[in-house]
Amino acid sequence: MWLETRKGKTWFIALRNLNLITSKNRHPI
């Protein structure tokens, strides 16, 4: 169960990072 939570958290972080990258590409500073 702990392993499942850790896997889910890692996936969530990766998804969030990907979202940030696409946001930067869409709105370059």
PDB file of N, CA and C in Angstrom:
ATOM      1  N   MET A   1       0.837  -1.201   0.000  1.00  0.00           N
ATOM      2  CA  MET A   1       0.000   0.000   0.000  1.00  0.00           C
ATOM      3  C   MET A   1       0.880   1.262   0.000  1.00  0.00           C
ATOM      4  N   TRP A   2       1.942   1.240   0.807  1.00  0.00           N
ATOM      5  CA  TRP A   2       2.842   2.397   0.857  1.00  0.00           C
ATOM      6  C   TRP A   2       3.495   2.609  -0.504  1.00  0.00           C
ATOM      7  N   LEU A   3       3.843   1.479  -1.147  1.00  0.00           N
ATOM      8  CA  LEU A   3       4.489   1.548  -2.455  1.00  0.00           C
ATOM      9  C   LEU A   3       3.541   2.182  -3.473  1.00  0.00           C
ATOM     10  N   GLU A   4       2.268   1.817  -3.386  1.00  0.00           N
ATOM     11  CA  GLU A   4       1.274   2.368  -4.313  1.00  0.00           C
ATOM     12  C   GLU A   4       1.161   3.886  -4.146  1.00  0.00           C
ATOM     13  N   THR A   5       1.149   4.332  -2.891  1.00  0.00           N
ATOM     14  CA  THR A   5       1.034   5.766  -2.623  1.00  0.00           C
ATOM     15  C   THR A   5       2.249   6.502  -3.160  1.00  0.00           C
ATOM     16  N   ARG A   6       3.431   5.917  -2.947  1.00  0.00           N
ATOM     17  CA  ARG A   6       4.658   6.544  -3.418  1.00  0.00           C
ATOM     18  C   ARG A   6       4.659   6.643  -4.941  1.00  0.00           C
ATOM     19  N   LYS A   7       4.183   5.580  -5.585  1.00  0.00           N
ATOM     20  CA  LYS A   7       4.127   5.573  -7.050  1.00  0.00           C
ATOM     21  C   LYS A   7       3.168   6.651  -7.547  1.00  0.00           C
ATOM     22  N   GLY A   8       2.024   6.760  -6.875  1.00  0.00           N
ATOM     23  CA  GLY A   8       1.040   7.760  -7.266  1.00  0.00           C
ATOM     24  C   GLY A   8       1.581   9.171  -7.078  1.00  0.00           C
ATOM     25  N   LYS A   9       2.316   9.379  -5.985  1.00  0.00           N
ATOM     26  CA  LYS A   9       2.876  10.702  -5.708  1.00  0.00           C
ATOM     27  C   LYS A   9       3.910  11.074  -6.765  1.00  0.00           C
ATOM     28  N   THR A  10       4.740  10.089  -7.134  1.00  0.00           N
ATOM     29  CA  THR A  10       5.765  10.334  -8.157  1.00  0.00           C
ATOM     30  C   THR A  10       5.105  10.697  -9.477  1.00  0.00           C
ATOM     31  N   TRP A  11       4.035   9.979  -9.814  1.00  0.00           N
ATOM     32  CA  TRP A  11       3.313  10.237 -11.065  1.00  0.00           C
ATOM     33  C   TRP A  11       2.703  11.634 -11.032  1.00  0.00           C
ATOM     34  N   PHE A  12       2.165  12.020  -9.872  1.00  0.00           N
ATOM     35  CA  PHE A  12       1.534  13.329  -9.735  1.00  0.00           C
ATOM     36  C   PHE A  12       2.567  14.439  -9.925  1.00  0.00           C
ATOM     37  N   ILE A  13       3.752  14.251  -9.324  1.00  0.00           N
ATOM     38  CA  ILE A  13       4.818  15.251  -9.437  1.00  0.00           C
ATOM     39  C   ILE A  13       5.276  15.372 -10.886  1.00  0.00           C
ATOM     40  N   ALA A  14       5.435  14.230 -11.548  1.00  0.00           N
ATOM     41  CA  ALA A  14       5.881  14.233 -12.945  1.00  0.00           C
ATOM     42  C   ALA A  14       4.853  14.947 -13.822  1.00  0.00           C
ATOM     43  N   LEU A  15       3.580  14.685 -13.560  1.00  0.00           N
ATOM     44  CA  LEU A  15       2.507  15.304 -14.336  1.00  0.00           C
ATOM     45  C   LEU A  15       2.507  16.816 -14.120  1.00  0.00           C
ATOM     46  N   ARG A  16       2.734  17.229 -12.877  1.00  0.00           N
ATOM     47  CA  ARG A  16       2.758  18.661 -12.554  1.00  0.00           C
ATOM     48  C   ARG A  16       3.939  19.343 -13.243  1.00  0.00           C
ATOM     49  N   ASN A  17       5.095  18.668 -13.234  1.00  0.00           N
ATOM     50  CA  ASN A  17       6.276  19.230 -13.891  1.00  0.00           C
ATOM     51  C   ASN A  17       6.030  19.385 -15.384  1.00  0.00           C
ATOM     52  N   LEU A  18       5.385  18.376 -15.975  1.00  0.00           N
ATOM     53  CA  LEU A  18       5.092  18.427 -17.408  1.00  0.00           C
ATOM     54  C   LEU A  18       4.160  19.600 -17.701  1.00  0.00           C
ATOM     55  N   ASN A  19       3.208  19.821 -16.812  1.00  0.00           N
ATOM     56  CA  ASN A  19       2.263  20.924 -16.968  1.00  0.00           C
ATOM     57  C   ASN A  19       2.993  22.267 -16.932  1.00  0.00           C
ATOM     58  N   LEU A  20       3.965  22.392 -16.035  1.00  0.00           N
ATOM     59  CA  LEU A  20       4.730  23.630 -15.923  1.00  0.00           C
ATOM     60  C   LEU A  20       5.525  23.882 -17.194  1.00  0.00           C
ATOM     61  N   ILE A  21       6.120  22.825 -17.736  1.00  0.00           N
ATOM     62  CA  ILE A  21       6.934  22.946 -18.951  1.00  0.00           C
ATOM     63  C   ILE A  21       6.066  23.392 -20.121  1.00  0.00           C
ATOM     64  N   THR A  22       4.896  22.775 -20.275  1.00  0.00           N
ATOM     65  CA  THR A  22       4.022  23.142 -21.396  1.00  0.00           C
ATOM     66  C   THR A  22       3.513  24.562 -21.214  1.00  0.00           C
ATOM     67  N   SER A  23       3.303  24.976 -19.979  1.00  0.00           N
ATOM     68  CA  SER A  23       2.833  26.336 -19.706  1.00  0.00           C
ATOM     69  C   SER A  23       3.902  27.343 -20.120  1.00  0.00           C
ATOM     70  N   LYS A  24       5.154  27.044 -19.808  1.00  0.00           N
ATOM     71  CA  LYS A  24       6.261  27.933 -20.162  1.00  0.00           C
ATOM     72  C   LYS A  24       6.386  28.031 -21.676  1.00  0.00           C
ATOM     73  N   ASN A  25       6.209  26.891 -22.366  1.00  0.00           N
ATOM     74  CA  ASN A  25       6.333  26.894 -23.821  1.00  0.00           C
ATOM     75  C   ASN A  25       5.201  27.694 -24.464  1.00  0.00           C
ATOM     76  N   ARG A  26       4.039  27.647 -23.849  1.00  0.00           N
ATOM     77  CA  ARG A  26       2.890  28.375 -24.385  1.00  0.00           C
ATOM     78  C   ARG A  26       3.025  29.879 -24.125  1.00  0.00           C
ATOM     79  N   HIS A  27       3.562  30.221 -22.955  1.00  0.00           N
ATOM     80  CA  HIS A  27       3.709  31.634 -22.602  1.00  0.00           C
ATOM     81  C   HIS A  27       5.176  31.939 -22.295  1.00  0.00           C
ATOM     82  N   PRO A  28       5.998  32.070 -23.322  1.00  0.00           N
ATOM     83  CA  PRO A  28       7.425  32.347 -23.087  1.00  0.00           C
ATOM     84  C   PRO A  28       7.622  33.730 -22.475  1.00  0.00           C
ATOM     85  N   ILE A  29       8.536  33.795 -21.525  1.00  0.00           N
ATOM     86  CA  ILE A  29       8.776  35.069 -20.838  1.00  0.00           C
ATOM     87  C   ILE A  29       9.913  35.807 -21.554  1.00  0.00           C
TER      88      ILE A  29
END
